Amino acid sequence: MRRIISMTFGGLTPSYYLRQLFFGSLFAALILGFAANSTAGLTGKPGLLLMAVVSTLLYPYSRFVYESVVGFIMGNNVFFVNALFMLSVKVFTMALCWSFAIFIAPAGLAYLYWHHSRSVSQ
């Protein structure tokens, strides 16, 4: 069991995981901050807190899937676009990856397990 966990959840480099965890934490802080400022506060929203924690922890794997798919489709092409447009697209895709991390991350975890189990057997 320990081997499976290390080949899936430990499959990303620590620097990549921590960088993506930082950005995922920003989304969680934003959502929880808005919820805390509402009339009821966070007291009646344990599901929101749980969703924020799970999405934040799975966000690096979700982002890994997104970047892998985009890298496969785009290849080594370079596009010159407006920086403000590119930044807004990046924030939008980050928000989507964070929001749907619970659905996207299992694909990344399965790929990391397959990739690391294949490299160990060779």
PDB file of N, CA and C in Angstrom:
ATOM      1  N   MET A   1       0.813  -1.188   0.000  1.00  0.00           N
ATOM      2  CA  MET A   1       0.000   0.000   0.000  1.00  0.00           C
ATOM      3  C   MET A   1       0.865   1.263   0.000  1.00  0.00           C
ATOM      4  N   ARG A   2       1.947   1.212   0.765  1.00  0.00           N
ATOM      5  CA  ARG A   2       2.851   2.359   0.831  1.00  0.00           C
ATOM      6  C   ARG A   2       3.470   2.637  -0.537  1.00  0.00           C
ATOM      7  N   ARG A   3       3.755   1.592  -1.294  1.00  0.00           N
ATOM      8  CA  ARG A   3       4.341   1.741  -2.633  1.00  0.00           C
ATOM      9  C   ARG A   3       3.353   2.443  -3.580  1.00  0.00           C
ATOM     10  N   ILE A   4       2.094   2.066  -3.507  1.00  0.00           N
ATOM     11  CA  ILE A   4       1.067   2.678  -4.357  1.00  0.00           C
ATOM     12  C   ILE A   4       0.936   4.169  -4.043  1.00  0.00           C
ATOM     13  N   ILE A   5       0.917   4.499  -2.759  1.00  0.00           N
ATOM     14  CA  ILE A   5       0.795   5.906  -2.366  1.00  0.00           C
ATOM     15  C   ILE A   5       2.013   6.707  -2.817  1.00  0.00           C
ATOM     16  N   SER A   6       3.198   6.124  -2.667  1.00  0.00           N
ATOM     17  CA  SER A   6       4.402   6.867  -3.076  1.00  0.00           C
ATOM     18  C   SER A   6       4.486   7.027  -4.588  1.00  0.00           C
ATOM     19  N   MET A   7       3.936   6.091  -5.346  1.00  0.00           N
ATOM     20  CA  MET A   7       3.984   6.204  -6.806  1.00  0.00           C
ATOM     21  C   MET A   7       2.883   7.098  -7.351  1.00  0.00           C
ATOM     22  N   THR A   8       1.851   7.378  -6.566  1.00  0.00           N
ATOM     23  CA  THR A   8       0.788   8.268  -7.044  1.00  0.00           C
ATOM     24  C   THR A   8       0.938   9.642  -6.412  1.00  0.00           C
ATOM     25  N   PHE A   9       0.696   9.741  -5.121  1.00  0.00           N
ATOM     26  CA  PHE A   9       0.733  11.044  -4.463  1.00  0.00           C
ATOM     27  C   PHE A   9       2.148  11.611  -4.382  1.00  0.00           C
ATOM     28  N   GLY A  10       3.152  10.766  -4.406  1.00  0.00           N
ATOM     29  CA  GLY A  10       4.539  11.237  -4.395  1.00  0.00           C
ATOM     30  C   GLY A  10       5.116  11.337  -5.783  1.00  0.00           C
ATOM     31  N   GLY A  11       4.290  11.260  -6.803  1.00  0.00           N
ATOM     32  CA  GLY A  11       4.765  11.224  -8.178  1.00  0.00           C
ATOM     33  C   GLY A  11       5.198  12.562  -8.747  1.00  0.00           C
ATOM     34  N   LEU A  12       4.748  13.668  -8.160  1.00  0.00           N
ATOM     35  CA  LEU A  12       5.147  14.985  -8.638  1.00  0.00           C
ATOM     36  C   LEU A  12       6.405  15.432  -7.895  1.00  0.00           C
ATOM     37  N   THR A  13       7.181  16.293  -8.533  1.00  0.00           N
ATOM     38  CA  THR A  13       8.362  16.817  -7.850  1.00  0.00           C
ATOM     39  C   THR A  13       7.899  17.719  -6.705  1.00  0.00           C
ATOM     40  N   PRO A  14       8.638  17.751  -5.621  1.00  0.00           N
ATOM     41  CA  PRO A  14       8.224  18.579  -4.479  1.00  0.00           C
ATOM     42  C   PRO A  14       8.077  20.062  -4.831  1.00  0.00           C
ATOM     43  N   SER A  15       8.952  20.580  -5.665  1.00  0.00           N
ATOM     44  CA  SER A  15       8.853  22.000  -6.024  1.00  0.00           C
ATOM     45  C   SER A  15       7.575  22.283  -6.815  1.00  0.00           C
ATOM     46  N   TYR A  16       7.232  21.393  -7.740  1.00  0.00           N
ATOM     47  CA  TYR A  16       6.002  21.555  -8.521  1.00  0.00           C
ATOM     48  C   TYR A  16       4.782  21.443  -7.609  1.00  0.00           C
ATOM     49  N   TYR A  17       4.785  20.441  -6.734  1.00  0.00           N
ATOM     50  CA  TYR A  17       3.650  20.231  -5.840  1.00  0.00           C
ATOM     51  C   TYR A  17       3.451  21.431  -4.923  1.00  0.00           C
ATOM     52  N   LEU A  18       4.520  21.939  -4.326  1.00  0.00           N
ATOM     53  CA  LEU A  18       4.410  23.067  -3.409  1.00  0.00           C
ATOM     54  C   LEU A  18       3.977  24.339  -4.126  1.00  0.00           C
ATOM     55  N   ARG A  19       4.469  24.548  -5.337  1.00  0.00           N
ATOM     56  CA  ARG A  19       4.067  25.725  -6.113  1.00  0.00           C
ATOM     57  C   ARG A  19       2.571  25.680  -6.408  1.00  0.00           C
ATOM     58  N   GLN A  20       2.092  24.536  -6.873  1.00  0.00           N
ATOM     59  CA  GLN A  20       0.676  24.398  -7.191  1.00  0.00           C
ATOM     60  C   GLN A  20      -0.179  24.414  -5.923  1.00  0.00           C
ATOM     61  N   LEU A  21       0.344  23.881  -4.832  1.00  0.00           N
ATOM     62  CA  LEU A  21      -0.378  23.910  -3.558  1.00  0.00           C
ATOM     63  C   LEU A  21      -0.544  25.351  -3.073  1.00  0.00           C
ATOM     64  N   PHE A  22       0.462  26.184  -3.305  1.00  0.00           N
ATOM     65  CA  PHE A  22       0.374  27.597  -2.955  1.00  0.00           C
ATOM     66  C   PHE A  22      -0.773  28.265  -3.709  1.00  0.00           C
ATOM     67  N   PHE A  23      -0.825  28.061  -5.034  1.00  0.00           N
ATOM     68  CA  PHE A  23      -1.894  28.674  -5.826  1.00  0.00           C
ATOM     69  C   PHE A  23      -3.261  28.104  -5.460  1.00  0.00           C
ATOM     70  N   GLY A  24      -3.329  26.817  -5.179  1.00  0.00           N
ATOM     71  CA  GLY A  24      -4.587  26.214  -4.741  1.00  0.00           C
ATOM     72  C   GLY A  24      -5.049  26.778  -3.411  1.00  0.00           C
ATOM     73  N   SER A  25      -4.106  27.070  -2.530  1.00  0.00           N
ATOM     74  CA  SER A  25      -4.440  27.652  -1.227  1.00  0.00           C
ATOM     75  C   SER A  25      -5.012  29.055  -1.383  1.00  0.00           C
ATOM     76  N   LEU A  26      -4.563  29.777  -2.400  1.00  0.00           N
ATOM     77  CA  LEU A  26      -5.109  31.107  -2.642  1.00  0.00           C
ATOM     78  C   LEU A  26      -6.595  31.025  -2.995  1.00  0.00           C
ATOM     79  N   PHE A  27      -6.958  30.049  -3.816  1.00  0.00           N
ATOM     80  CA  PHE A  27      -8.373  29.867  -4.157  1.00  0.00           C
ATOM     81  C   PHE A  27      -9.185  29.472  -2.926  1.00  0.00           C
ATOM     82  N   ALA A  28      -8.630  28.579  -2.100  1.00  0.00           N
ATOM     83  CA  ALA A  28      -9.338  28.174  -0.884  1.00  0.00           C
ATOM     84  C   ALA A  28      -9.514  29.367   0.049  1.00  0.00           C
ATOM     85  N   ALA A  29      -8.480  30.174   0.202  1.00  0.00           N
ATOM     86  CA  ALA A  29      -8.573  31.346   1.074  1.00  0.00           C
ATOM     87  C   ALA A  29      -9.614  32.333   0.543  1.00  0.00           C
ATOM     88  N   LEU A  30      -9.663  32.485  -0.765  1.00  0.00           N
ATOM     89  CA  LEU A  30     -10.639  33.394  -1.374  1.00  0.00           C
ATOM     90  C   LEU A  30     -12.071  32.916  -1.120  1.00  0.00           C
ATOM     91  N   ILE A  31     -12.324  31.646  -1.373  1.00  0.00           N
ATOM     92  CA  ILE A  31     -13.664  31.080  -1.177  1.00  0.00           C
ATOM     93  C   ILE A  31     -14.057  31.126   0.299  1.00  0.00           C
ATOM     94  N   LEU A  32     -13.151  30.703   1.164  1.00  0.00           N
ATOM     95  CA  LEU A  32     -13.475  30.688   2.590  1.00  0.00           C
ATOM     96  C   LEU A  32     -13.587  32.099   3.152  1.00  0.00           C
ATOM     97  N   GLY A  33     -12.828  33.031   2.599  1.00  0.00           N
ATOM     98  CA  GLY A  33     -12.942  34.423   3.025  1.00  0.00           C
ATOM     99  C   GLY A  33     -14.297  35.009   2.680  1.00  0.00           C
ATOM    100  N   PHE A  34     -14.767  34.731   1.468  1.00  0.00           N
ATOM    101  CA  PHE A  34     -16.108  35.193   1.088  1.00  0.00           C
ATOM    102  C   PHE A  34     -17.177  34.546   1.965  1.00  0.00           C
ATOM    103  N   ALA A  35     -17.011  33.263   2.255  1.00  0.00           N
ATOM    104  CA  ALA A  35     -18.000  32.563   3.085  1.00  0.00           C
ATOM    105  C   ALA A  35     -17.979  33.084   4.516  1.00  0.00           C
ATOM    106  N   ALA A  36     -16.811  33.416   5.033  1.00  0.00           N
ATOM    107  CA  ALA A  36     -16.714  33.922   6.404  1.00  0.00           C
ATOM    108  C   ALA A  36     -17.334  35.302   6.535  1.00  0.00           C
ATOM    109  N   ASN A  37     -17.310  36.079   5.465  1.00  0.00           N
ATOM    110  CA  ASN A  37     -17.895  37.423   5.509  1.00  0.00           C
ATOM    111  C   ASN A  37     -19.398  37.426   5.263  1.00  0.00           C
ATOM    112  N   SER A  38     -19.958  36.270   4.936  1.00  0.00           N
ATOM    113  CA  SER A  38     -21.407  36.216   4.731  1.00  0.00           C
ATOM    114  C   SER A  38     -22.117  36.318   6.081  1.00  0.00           C
ATOM    115  N   THR A  39     -23.414  36.411   6.057  1.00  0.00           N
ATOM    116  CA  THR A  39     -24.178  36.614   7.285  1.00  0.00           C
ATOM    117  C   THR A  39     -24.059  35.441   8.254  1.00  0.00           C
ATOM    118  N   ALA A  40     -24.001  34.216   7.746  1.00  0.00           N
ATOM    119  CA  ALA A  40     -23.929  33.041   8.618  1.00  0.00           C
ATOM    120  C   ALA A  40     -22.498  32.699   9.011  1.00  0.00           C
ATOM    121  N   GLY A  41     -21.517  33.196   8.279  1.00  0.00           N
ATOM    122  CA  GLY A  41     -20.133  32.838   8.567  1.00  0.00           C
ATOM    123  C   GLY A  41     -19.849  31.408   8.148  1.00  0.00           C
ATOM    124  N   LEU A  42     -18.790  30.845   8.692  1.00  0.00           N
ATOM    125  CA  LEU A  42     -18.403  29.473   8.343  1.00  0.00           C
ATOM    126  C   LEU A  42     -18.998  28.435   9.287  1.00  0.00           C
ATOM    127  N   THR A  43     -19.735  28.848  10.300  1.00  0.00           N
ATOM    128  CA  THR A  43     -20.203  27.887  11.301  1.00  0.00           C
ATOM    129  C   THR A  43     -21.140  26.832  10.723  1.00  0.00           C
ATOM    130  N   GLY A  44     -21.983  27.197   9.782  1.00  0.00           N
ATOM    131  CA  GLY A  44     -22.936  26.242   9.235  1.00  0.00           C
ATOM    132  C   GLY A  44     -22.493  25.633   7.923  1.00  0.00           C
ATOM    133  N   LYS A  45     -21.198  25.722   7.607  1.00  0.00           N
ATOM    134  CA  LYS A  45     -20.730  25.255   6.302  1.00  0.00           C
ATOM    135  C   LYS A  45     -19.531  24.301   6.410  1.00  0.00           C
ATOM    136  N   PRO A  46     -19.705  23.170   7.115  1.00  0.00           N
ATOM    137  CA  PRO A  46     -18.569  22.238   7.193  1.00  0.00           C
ATOM    138  C   PRO A  46     -18.262  21.594   5.838  1.00  0.00           C
ATOM    139  N   GLY A  47     -19.269  21.457   4.985  1.00  0.00           N
ATOM    140  CA  GLY A  47     -19.056  20.887   3.657  1.00  0.00           C
ATOM    141  C   GLY A  47     -18.190  21.781   2.788  1.00  0.00           C
ATOM    142  N   LEU A  48     -18.373  23.078   2.924  1.00  0.00           N
ATOM    143  CA  LEU A  48     -17.563  24.026   2.168  1.00  0.00           C
ATOM    144  C   LEU A  48     -16.107  23.951   2.605  1.00  0.00           C
ATOM    145  N   LEU A  49     -15.883  23.855   3.892  1.00  0.00           N
ATOM    146  CA  LEU A  49     -14.521  23.730   4.405  1.00  0.00           C
ATOM    147  C   LEU A  49     -13.872  22.439   3.918  1.00  0.00           C
ATOM    148  N   LEU A  50     -14.610  21.345   3.973  1.00  0.00           N
ATOM    149  CA  LEU A  50     -14.084  20.062   3.499  1.00  0.00           C
ATOM    150  C   LEU A  50     -13.782  20.107   2.005  1.00  0.00           C
ATOM    151  N   MET A  51     -14.685  20.703   1.227  1.00  0.00           N
ATOM    152  CA  MET A  51     -14.476  20.819  -0.217  1.00  0.00           C
ATOM    153  C   MET A  51     -13.250  21.672  -0.521  1.00  0.00           C
ATOM    154  N   ALA A  52     -13.061  22.740   0.220  1.00  0.00           N
ATOM    155  CA  ALA A  52     -11.905  23.612  -0.004  1.00  0.00           C
ATOM    156  C   ALA A  52     -10.598  22.883   0.299  1.00  0.00           C
ATOM    157  N   VAL A  53     -10.575  22.116   1.364  1.00  0.00           N
ATOM    158  CA  VAL A  53      -9.361  21.376   1.729  1.00  0.00           C
ATOM    159  C   VAL A  53      -9.064  20.285   0.697  1.00  0.00           C
ATOM    160  N   VAL A  54     -10.073  19.524   0.322  1.00  0.00           N
ATOM    161  CA  VAL A  54      -9.882  18.442  -0.657  1.00  0.00           C
ATOM    162  C   VAL A  54      -9.467  19.008  -2.012  1.00  0.00           C
ATOM    163  N   SER A  55     -10.131  20.057  -2.460  1.00  0.00           N
ATOM    164  CA  SER A  55      -9.789  20.660  -3.750  1.00  0.00           C
ATOM    165  C   SER A  55      -8.373  21.215  -3.740  1.00  0.00           C
ATOM    166  N   THR A  56      -7.972  21.810  -2.628  1.00  0.00           N
ATOM    167  CA  THR A  56      -6.629  22.364  -2.531  1.00  0.00           C
ATOM    168  C   THR A  56      -5.576  21.261  -2.558  1.00  0.00           C
ATOM    169  N   LEU A  57      -5.810  20.166  -1.859  1.00  0.00           N
ATOM    170  CA  LEU A  57      -4.833  19.078  -1.838  1.00  0.00           C
ATOM    171  C   LEU A  57      -4.759  18.337  -3.176  1.00  0.00           C
ATOM    172  N   LEU A  58      -5.872  18.277  -3.897  1.00  0.00           N
ATOM    173  CA  LEU A  58      -5.882  17.589  -5.188  1.00  0.00           C
ATOM    174  C   LEU A  58      -5.556  18.513  -6.357  1.00  0.00           C
ATOM    175  N   TYR A  59      -5.548  19.813  -6.126  1.00  0.00           N
ATOM    176  CA  TYR A  59      -5.306  20.776  -7.198  1.00  0.00           C
ATOM    177  C   TYR A  59      -3.989  20.530  -7.953  1.00  0.00           C
ATOM    178  N   PRO A  60      -2.863  20.242  -7.287  1.00  0.00           N
ATOM    179  CA  PRO A  60      -1.636  20.011  -8.060  1.00  0.00           C
ATOM    180  C   PRO A  60      -1.755  18.876  -9.075  1.00  0.00           C
ATOM    181  N   TYR A  61      -2.487  17.829  -8.742  1.00  0.00           N
ATOM    182  CA  TYR A  61      -2.667  16.715  -9.671  1.00  0.00           C
ATOM    183  C   TYR A  61      -3.621  17.096 -10.801  1.00  0.00           C
ATOM    184  N   SER A  62      -4.619  17.879 -10.476  1.00  0.00           N
ATOM    185  CA  SER A  62      -5.540  18.384 -11.494  1.00  0.00           C
ATOM    186  C   SER A  62      -4.802  19.289 -12.474  1.00  0.00           C
ATOM    187  N   ARG A  63      -3.963  20.152 -11.952  1.00  0.00           N
ATOM    188  CA  ARG A  63      -3.192  21.065 -12.802  1.00  0.00           C
ATOM    189  C   ARG A  63      -2.189  20.297 -13.661  1.00  0.00           C
ATOM    190  N   PHE A  64      -1.635  19.218 -13.102  1.00  0.00           N
ATOM    191  CA  PHE A  64      -0.720  18.356 -13.848  1.00  0.00           C
ATOM    192  C   PHE A  64      -1.426  17.756 -15.063  1.00  0.00           C
ATOM    193  N   VAL A  65      -2.662  17.301 -14.879  1.00  0.00           N
ATOM    194  CA  VAL A  65      -3.434  16.750 -15.990  1.00  0.00           C
ATOM    195  C   VAL A  65      -3.676  17.825 -17.036  1.00  0.00           C
ATOM    196  N   TYR A  66      -4.111  18.993 -16.600  1.00  0.00           N
ATOM    197  CA  TYR A  66      -4.387  20.089 -17.532  1.00  0.00           C
ATOM    198  C   TYR A  66      -3.132  20.450 -18.330  1.00  0.00           C
ATOM    199  N   GLU A  67      -2.006  20.640 -17.644  1.00  0.00           N
ATOM    200  CA  GLU A  67      -0.777  21.035 -18.333  1.00  0.00           C
ATOM    201  C   GLU A  67      -0.274  19.936 -19.266  1.00  0.00           C
ATOM    202  N   SER A  68      -0.492  18.686 -18.905  1.00  0.00           N
ATOM    203  CA  SER A  68      -0.090  17.577 -19.777  1.00  0.00           C
ATOM    204  C   SER A  68      -0.928  17.546 -21.047  1.00  0.00           C
ATOM    205  N   VAL A  69      -2.225  17.733 -20.915  1.00  0.00           N
ATOM    206  CA  VAL A  69      -3.116  17.725 -22.078  1.00  0.00           C
ATOM    207  C   VAL A  69      -2.821  18.914 -22.986  1.00  0.00           C
ATOM    208  N   VAL A  70      -2.670  20.094 -22.400  1.00  0.00           N
ATOM    209  CA  VAL A  70      -2.365  21.283 -23.198  1.00  0.00           C
ATOM    210  C   VAL A  70      -1.002  21.146 -23.860  1.00  0.00           C
ATOM    211  N   GLY A  71      -0.034  20.601 -23.140  1.00  0.00           N
ATOM    212  CA  GLY A  71       1.288  20.374 -23.724  1.00  0.00           C
ATOM    213  C   GLY A  71       1.248  19.402 -24.889  1.00  0.00           C
ATOM    214  N   PHE A  72       0.411  18.375 -24.770  1.00  0.00           N
ATOM    215  CA  PHE A  72       0.276  17.414 -25.862  1.00  0.00           C
ATOM    216  C   PHE A  72      -0.371  18.058 -27.084  1.00  0.00           C
ATOM    217  N   ILE A  73      -1.407  18.845 -26.857  1.00  0.00           N
ATOM    218  CA  ILE A  73      -2.123  19.472 -27.970  1.00  0.00           C
ATOM    219  C   ILE A  73      -1.305  20.579 -28.614  1.00  0.00           C
ATOM    220  N   MET A  74      -0.696  21.422 -27.813  1.00  0.00           N
ATOM    221  CA  MET A  74      -0.001  22.592 -28.335  1.00  0.00           C
ATOM    222  C   MET A  74       1.418  22.284 -28.810  1.00  0.00           C
ATOM    223  N   GLY A  75       2.040  21.267 -28.245  1.00  0.00           N
ATOM    224  CA  GLY A  75       3.417  20.965 -28.627  1.00  0.00           C
ATOM    225  C   GLY A  75       4.368  22.050 -28.152  1.00  0.00           C
ATOM    226  N   ASN A  76       5.388  22.332 -28.950  1.00  0.00           N
ATOM    227  CA  ASN A  76       6.377  23.341 -28.588  1.00  0.00           C
ATOM    228  C   ASN A  76       6.093  24.690 -29.232  1.00  0.00           C
ATOM    229  N   ASN A  77       4.865  24.954 -29.578  1.00  0.00           N
ATOM    230  CA  ASN A  77       4.510  26.217 -30.218  1.00  0.00           C
ATOM    231  C   ASN A  77       4.540  27.362 -29.207  1.00  0.00           C
ATOM    232  N   VAL A  78       4.838  28.540 -29.700  1.00  0.00           N
ATOM    233  CA  VAL A  78       4.849  29.740 -28.878  1.00  0.00           C
ATOM    234  C   VAL A  78       3.864  30.729 -29.481  1.00  0.00           C
ATOM    235  N   PHE A  79       3.019  31.292 -28.625  1.00  0.00           N
ATOM    236  CA  PHE A  79       2.037  32.266 -29.081  1.00  0.00           C
ATOM    237  C   PHE A  79       2.323  33.602 -28.402  1.00  0.00           C
ATOM    238  N   PHE A  80       2.240  34.665 -29.161  1.00  0.00           N
ATOM    239  CA  PHE A  80       2.427  35.999 -28.622  1.00  0.00           C
ATOM    240  C   PHE A  80       1.055  36.662 -28.518  1.00  0.00           C
ATOM    241  N   VAL A  81       0.611  36.851 -27.270  1.00  0.00           N
ATOM    242  CA  VAL A  81      -0.697  37.454 -27.032  1.00  0.00           C
ATOM    243  C   VAL A  81      -0.544  38.524 -25.954  1.00  0.00           C
ATOM    244  N   ASN A  82      -1.586  39.278 -25.787  1.00  0.00           N
ATOM    245  CA  ASN A  82      -1.635  40.310 -24.765  1.00  0.00           C
ATOM    246  C   ASN A  82      -1.428  39.668 -23.392  1.00  0.00           C
ATOM    247  N   ALA A  83      -0.562  40.263 -22.563  1.00  0.00           N
ATOM    248  CA  ALA A  83      -0.248  39.703 -21.245  1.00  0.00           C
ATOM    249  C   ALA A  83      -1.472  39.684 -20.332  1.00  0.00           C
ATOM    250  N   LEU A  84      -2.291  40.721 -20.388  1.00  0.00           N
ATOM    251  CA  LEU A  84      -3.485  40.770 -19.552  1.00  0.00           C
ATOM    252  C   LEU A  84      -4.473  39.671 -19.948  1.00  0.00           C
ATOM    253  N   PHE A  85      -4.623  39.435 -21.238  1.00  0.00           N
ATOM    254  CA  PHE A  85      -5.482  38.353 -21.721  1.00  0.00           C
ATOM    255  C   PHE A  85      -4.945  36.999 -21.261  1.00  0.00           C
ATOM    256  N   MET A  86      -3.639  36.799 -21.395  1.00  0.00           N
ATOM    257  CA  MET A  86      -3.035  35.522 -21.005  1.00  0.00           C
ATOM    258  C   MET A  86      -3.157  35.289 -19.501  1.00  0.00           C
ATOM    259  N   LEU A  87      -2.984  36.338 -18.714  1.00  0.00           N
ATOM    260  CA  LEU A  87      -3.115  36.215 -17.272  1.00  0.00           C
ATOM    261  C   LEU A  87      -4.548  35.865 -16.874  1.00  0.00           C
ATOM    262  N   SER A  88      -5.514  36.485 -17.531  1.00  0.00           N
ATOM    263  CA  SER A  88      -6.907  36.181 -17.210  1.00  0.00           C
ATOM    264  C   SER A  88      -7.275  34.757 -17.627  1.00  0.00           C
ATOM    265  N   VAL A  89      -6.756  34.287 -18.753  1.00  0.00           N
ATOM    266  CA  VAL A  89      -6.997  32.894 -19.162  1.00  0.00           C
ATOM    267  C   VAL A  89      -6.356  31.937 -18.165  1.00  0.00           C
ATOM    268  N   LYS A  90      -5.166  32.274 -17.708  1.00  0.00           N
ATOM    269  CA  LYS A  90      -4.465  31.412 -16.750  1.00  0.00           C
ATOM    270  C   LYS A  90      -5.241  31.334 -15.424  1.00  0.00           C
ATOM    271  N   VAL A  91      -5.715  32.460 -14.930  1.00  0.00           N
ATOM    272  CA  VAL A  91      -6.487  32.459 -13.685  1.00  0.00           C
ATOM    273  C   VAL A  91      -7.784  31.671 -13.872  1.00  0.00           C
ATOM    274  N   PHE A  92      -8.428  31.824 -15.026  1.00  0.00           N
ATOM    275  CA  PHE A  92      -9.654  31.084 -15.309  1.00  0.00           C
ATOM    276  C   PHE A  92      -9.396  29.572 -15.317  1.00  0.00           C
ATOM    277  N   THR A  93      -8.328  29.132 -15.990  1.00  0.00           N
ATOM    278  CA  THR A  93      -8.039  27.694 -16.036  1.00  0.00           C
ATOM    279  C   THR A  93      -7.621  27.170 -14.664  1.00  0.00           C
ATOM    280  N   MET A  94      -6.926  28.002 -13.900  1.00  0.00           N
ATOM    281  CA  MET A  94      -6.568  27.588 -12.539  1.00  0.00           C
ATOM    282  C   MET A  94      -7.822  27.417 -11.683  1.00  0.00           C
ATOM    283  N   ALA A  95      -8.772  28.332 -11.826  1.00  0.00           N
ATOM    284  CA  ALA A  95     -10.021  28.233 -11.065  1.00  0.00           C
ATOM    285  C   ALA A  95     -10.812  26.991 -11.473  1.00  0.00           C
ATOM    286  N   LEU A  96     -10.830  26.698 -12.767  1.00  0.00           N
ATOM    287  CA  LEU A  96     -11.520  25.484 -13.216  1.00  0.00           C
ATOM    288  C   LEU A  96     -10.841  24.237 -12.675  1.00  0.00           C
ATOM    289  N   CYS A  97      -9.516  24.188 -12.732  1.00  0.00           N
ATOM    290  CA  CYS A  97      -8.790  23.020 -12.221  1.00  0.00           C
ATOM    291  C   CYS A  97      -9.013  22.850 -10.722  1.00  0.00           C
ATOM    292  N   TRP A  98      -9.065  23.962  -9.976  1.00  0.00           N
ATOM    293  CA  TRP A  98      -9.299  23.874  -8.540  1.00  0.00           C
ATOM    294  C   TRP A  98     -10.736  23.416  -8.265  1.00  0.00           C
ATOM    295  N   SER A  99     -11.679  23.983  -9.000  1.00  0.00           N
ATOM    296  CA  SER A  99     -13.093  23.654  -8.769  1.00  0.00           C
ATOM    297  C   SER A  99     -13.414  22.204  -9.090  1.00  0.00           C
ATOM    298  N   PHE A 100     -12.820  21.681 -10.144  1.00  0.00           N
ATOM    299  CA  PHE A 100     -13.107  20.319 -10.572  1.00  0.00           C
ATOM    300  C   PHE A 100     -11.979  19.344 -10.229  1.00  0.00           C
ATOM    301  N   ALA A 101     -11.145  19.692  -9.260  1.00  0.00           N
ATOM    302  CA  ALA A 101     -10.000  18.856  -8.897  1.00  0.00           C
ATOM    303  C   ALA A 101     -10.414  17.459  -8.473  1.00  0.00           C
ATOM    304  N   ILE A 102     -11.532  17.338  -7.804  1.00  0.00           N
ATOM    305  CA  ILE A 102     -11.976  16.024  -7.331  1.00  0.00           C
ATOM    306  C   ILE A 102     -12.309  15.089  -8.493  1.00  0.00           C
ATOM    307  N   PHE A 103     -12.642  15.662  -9.652  1.00  0.00           N
ATOM    308  CA  PHE A 103     -12.963  14.849 -10.823  1.00  0.00           C
ATOM    309  C   PHE A 103     -11.761  14.674 -11.753  1.00  0.00           C
ATOM    310  N   ILE A 104     -10.885  15.680 -11.828  1.00  0.00           N
ATOM    311  CA  ILE A 104      -9.753  15.655 -12.760  1.00  0.00           C
ATOM    312  C   ILE A 104      -8.540  14.935 -12.165  1.00  0.00           C
ATOM    313  N   ALA A 105      -8.290  15.136 -10.878  1.00  0.00           N
ATOM    314  CA  ALA A 105      -7.091  14.594 -10.236  1.00  0.00           C
ATOM    315  C   ALA A 105      -6.961  13.071 -10.319  1.00  0.00           C
ATOM    316  N   PRO A 106      -8.035  12.281 -10.229  1.00  0.00           N
ATOM    317  CA  PRO A 106      -7.851  10.829 -10.347  1.00  0.00           C
ATOM    318  C   PRO A 106      -7.176  10.400 -11.649  1.00  0.00           C
ATOM    319  N   ALA A 107      -7.422  11.130 -12.741  1.00  0.00           N
ATOM    320  CA  ALA A 107      -6.737  10.805 -13.996  1.00  0.00           C
ATOM    321  C   ALA A 107      -5.240  11.040 -13.851  1.00  0.00           C
ATOM    322  N   GLY A 108      -4.854  12.116 -13.202  1.00  0.00           N
ATOM    323  CA  GLY A 108      -3.443  12.394 -12.979  1.00  0.00           C
ATOM    324  C   GLY A 108      -2.799  11.389 -12.054  1.00  0.00           C
ATOM    325  N   LEU A 109      -3.510  11.011 -11.011  1.00  0.00           N
ATOM    326  CA  LEU A 109      -2.977  10.017 -10.080  1.00  0.00           C
ATOM    327  C   LEU A 109      -2.815   8.659 -10.758  1.00  0.00           C
ATOM    328  N   ALA A 110      -3.783   8.285 -11.592  1.00  0.00           N
ATOM    329  CA  ALA A 110      -3.678   7.013 -12.321  1.00  0.00           C
ATOM    330  C   ALA A 110      -2.498   7.041 -13.278  1.00  0.00           C
ATOM    331  N   TYR A 111      -2.306   8.161 -13.975  1.00  0.00           N
ATOM    332  CA  TYR A 111      -1.170   8.267 -14.891  1.00  0.00           C
ATOM    333  C   TYR A 111       0.151   8.214 -14.131  1.00  0.00           C
ATOM    334  N   LEU A 112       0.243   8.914 -13.017  1.00  0.00           N
ATOM    335  CA  LEU A 112       1.489   8.886 -12.238  1.00  0.00           C
ATOM    336  C   LEU A 112       1.786   7.487 -11.738  1.00  0.00           C
ATOM    337  N   TYR A 113       0.767   6.760 -11.299  1.00  0.00           N
ATOM    338  CA  TYR A 113       0.985   5.380 -10.871  1.00  0.00           C
ATOM    339  C   TYR A 113       1.465   4.523 -12.036  1.00  0.00           C
ATOM    340  N   TRP A 114       0.809   4.651 -13.167  1.00  0.00           N
ATOM    341  CA  TRP A 114       1.208   3.874 -14.347  1.00  0.00           C
ATOM    342  C   TRP A 114       2.637   4.229 -14.769  1.00  0.00           C
ATOM    343  N   HIS A 115       2.946   5.499 -14.810  1.00  0.00           N
ATOM    344  CA  HIS A 115       4.270   5.949 -15.244  1.00  0.00           C
ATOM    345  C   HIS A 115       5.368   5.451 -14.301  1.00  0.00           C
ATOM    346  N   HIS A 116       5.156   5.583 -12.991  1.00  0.00           N
ATOM    347  CA  HIS A 116       6.188   5.171 -12.045  1.00  0.00           C
ATOM    348  C   HIS A 116       6.287   3.660 -11.898  1.00  0.00           C
ATOM    349  N   SER A 117       5.178   2.948 -12.056  1.00  0.00           N
ATOM    350  CA  SER A 117       5.255   1.496 -11.991  1.00  0.00           C
ATOM    351  C   SER A 117       5.943   0.933 -13.232  1.00  0.00           C
ATOM    352  N   ARG A 118       5.764   1.606 -14.356  1.00  0.00           N
ATOM    353  CA  ARG A 118       6.428   1.188 -15.582  1.00  0.00           C
ATOM    354  C   ARG A 118       7.932   1.457 -15.501  1.00  0.00           C
ATOM    355  N   SER A 119       8.335   2.578 -14.919  1.00  0.00           N
ATOM    356  CA  SER A 119       9.761   2.912 -14.844  1.00  0.00           C
ATOM    357  C   SER A 119      10.472   2.039 -13.801  1.00  0.00           C
ATOM    358  N   VAL A 120       9.756   1.580 -12.785  1.00  0.00           N
ATOM    359  CA  VAL A 120      10.358   0.707 -11.769  1.00  0.00           C
ATOM    360  C   VAL A 120      10.601  -0.680 -12.358  1.00  0.00           C
ATOM    361  N   SER A 121       9.698  -1.155 -13.199  1.00  0.00           N
ATOM    362  CA  SER A 121       9.820  -2.506 -13.747  1.00  0.00           C
ATOM    363  C   SER A 121      10.871  -2.607 -14.847  1.00  0.00           C
ATOM    364  N   GLN A 122      11.320  -1.487 -15.381  1.00  0.00           N
ATOM    365  CA  GLN A 122      12.312  -1.551 -16.466  1.00  0.00           C
ATOM    366  C   GLN A 122      13.720  -1.544 -15.941  1.00  0.00           C
TER     367      GLN A 122
END
